[in-house]
Amino acid sequence: MSTDDDSTAQEATGASDETKRKFREALDKKNNQAKKASGEAHLDGHSAVTHTHGNADTRQEFRRKSG
């Protein structure tokens, strides 16, 4: 009976370690991609924002909610 409990505990630990390893690899991959791409967006001289404002012809109107 104790051998069954030991093998089940080892399987659970093994699965947990495998899951942790996969998550760690995915996180490392994500961090490496972020390091490569950081700070490169501004080098081409073009902003991601093309127009800072929409139509500013009319004043924005705020109304209270009635009811």
C-alpha atoms as a PDB file:
ATOM      1  CA  MET A   1       0.000   0.000   0.000  1.00  0.00           C
ATOM      2  CA  SER A   2       2.800   2.432   0.764  1.00  0.00           C
ATOM      3  CA  THR A   3       4.532   1.629  -2.547  1.00  0.00           C
ATOM      4  CA  ASP A   4       1.410   2.695  -4.433  1.00  0.00           C
ATOM      5  CA  ASP A   5       1.344   5.965  -2.509  1.00  0.00           C
ATOM      6  CA  ASP A   6       5.042   6.553  -3.210  1.00  0.00           C
ATOM      7  CA  SER A   7       4.686   5.920  -6.945  1.00  0.00           C
ATOM      8  CA  THR A   8       1.654   8.202  -7.147  1.00  0.00           C
ATOM      9  CA  ALA A   9       3.546  10.944  -5.320  1.00  0.00           C
ATOM     10  CA  GLN A  10       6.516  10.544  -7.673  1.00  0.00           C
ATOM     11  CA  GLU A  11       4.256  10.719 -10.741  1.00  0.00           C
ATOM     12  CA  ALA A  12       2.595  13.869  -9.425  1.00  0.00           C
ATOM     13  CA  THR A  13       5.971  15.448  -8.702  1.00  0.00           C
ATOM     14  CA  GLY A  14       7.262  14.435 -12.132  1.00  0.00           C
ATOM     15  CA  ALA A  15       4.231  15.935 -13.861  1.00  0.00           C
ATOM     16  CA  SER A  16       4.560  19.072 -11.783  1.00  0.00           C
ATOM     17  CA  ASP A  17       8.256  19.384 -12.636  1.00  0.00           C
ATOM     18  CA  GLU A  18       7.505  18.830 -16.322  1.00  0.00           C
ATOM     19  CA  THR A  19       4.835  21.536 -16.255  1.00  0.00           C
ATOM     20  CA  LYS A  20       7.158  23.937 -14.445  1.00  0.00           C
ATOM     21  CA  ARG A  21       9.902  23.249 -16.980  1.00  0.00           C
ATOM     22  CA  LYS A  22       7.557  23.946 -19.901  1.00  0.00           C
ATOM     23  CA  PHE A  23       6.351  27.201 -18.351  1.00  0.00           C
ATOM     24  CA  ARG A  24       9.929  28.259 -17.587  1.00  0.00           C
ATOM     25  CA  GLU A  25      10.961  27.590 -21.205  1.00  0.00           C
ATOM     26  CA  ALA A  26       7.981  29.560 -22.523  1.00  0.00           C
ATOM     27  CA  LEU A  27       8.771  32.470 -20.201  1.00  0.00           C
ATOM     28  CA  ASP A  28      12.426  32.491 -21.242  1.00  0.00           C
ATOM     29  CA  LYS A  29      11.404  32.466 -24.902  1.00  0.00           C
ATOM     30  CA  LYS A  30       8.995  35.359 -24.310  1.00  0.00           C
ATOM     31  CA  ASN A  31      11.607  37.385 -22.426  1.00  0.00           C
ATOM     32  CA  ASN A  32      14.234  36.809 -25.122  1.00  0.00           C
ATOM     33  CA  GLN A  33      11.851  38.018 -27.836  1.00  0.00           C
ATOM     34  CA  ALA A  34      11.005  41.096 -25.769  1.00  0.00           C
ATOM     35  CA  LYS A  35      14.688  41.915 -25.301  1.00  0.00           C
ATOM     36  CA  LYS A  36      15.290  41.730 -29.047  1.00  0.00           C
ATOM     37  CA  ALA A  37      12.371  44.004 -29.921  1.00  0.00           C
ATOM     38  CA  SER A  38      12.659  46.586 -27.155  1.00  0.00           C
ATOM     39  CA  GLY A  39      13.686  50.030 -28.280  1.00  0.00           C
ATOM     40  CA  GLU A  40      13.593  49.321 -32.012  1.00  0.00           C
ATOM     41  CA  ALA A  41      10.209  50.831 -32.827  1.00  0.00           C
ATOM     42  CA  HIS A  42      11.490  54.408 -32.886  1.00  0.00           C
ATOM     43  CA  LEU A  43      14.510  53.727 -35.082  1.00  0.00           C
ATOM     44  CA  ASP A  44      12.601  53.954 -38.365  1.00  0.00           C
ATOM     45  CA  GLY A  45      11.575  57.547 -37.593  1.00  0.00           C
ATOM     46  CA  HIS A  46       7.845  56.851 -37.801  1.00  0.00           C
ATOM     47  CA  SER A  47       5.509  56.935 -34.879  1.00  0.00           C
ATOM     48  CA  ALA A  48       2.836  54.310 -34.375  1.00  0.00           C
ATOM     49  CA  VAL A  49       0.434  57.181 -33.730  1.00  0.00           C
ATOM     50  CA  THR A  50      -0.421  58.929 -36.973  1.00  0.00           C
ATOM     51  CA  HIS A  51      -3.073  61.420 -35.836  1.00  0.00           C
ATOM     52  CA  THR A  52      -3.097  62.579 -32.265  1.00  0.00           C
ATOM     53  CA  HIS A  53      -6.573  64.093 -32.431  1.00  0.00           C
ATOM     54  CA  GLY A  54      -9.759  63.427 -34.291  1.00  0.00           C
ATOM     55  CA  ASN A  55     -12.096  66.175 -35.393  1.00  0.00           C
ATOM     56  CA  ALA A  56     -11.690  69.008 -32.917  1.00  0.00           C
ATOM     57  CA  ASP A  57     -14.171  71.220 -34.755  1.00  0.00           C
ATOM     58  CA  THR A  58     -16.856  70.978 -32.089  1.00  0.00           C
ATOM     59  CA  ARG A  59     -16.604  71.186 -28.347  1.00  0.00           C
ATOM     60  CA  GLN A  60     -17.234  67.936 -26.519  1.00  0.00           C
ATOM     61  CA  GLU A  61     -20.463  67.969 -24.583  1.00  0.00           C
ATOM     62  CA  PHE A  62     -21.021  66.125 -21.312  1.00  0.00           C
ATOM     63  CA  ARG A  63     -24.584  65.483 -20.221  1.00  0.00           C
ATOM     64  CA  ARG A  64     -25.971  64.129 -17.033  1.00  0.00           C
ATOM     65  CA  LYS A  65     -27.714  60.838 -17.224  1.00  0.00           C
ATOM     66  CA  SER A  66     -31.408  61.432 -16.722  1.00  0.00           C
ATOM     67  CA  GLY A  67     -33.354  58.842 -14.847  1.00  0.00           C
END
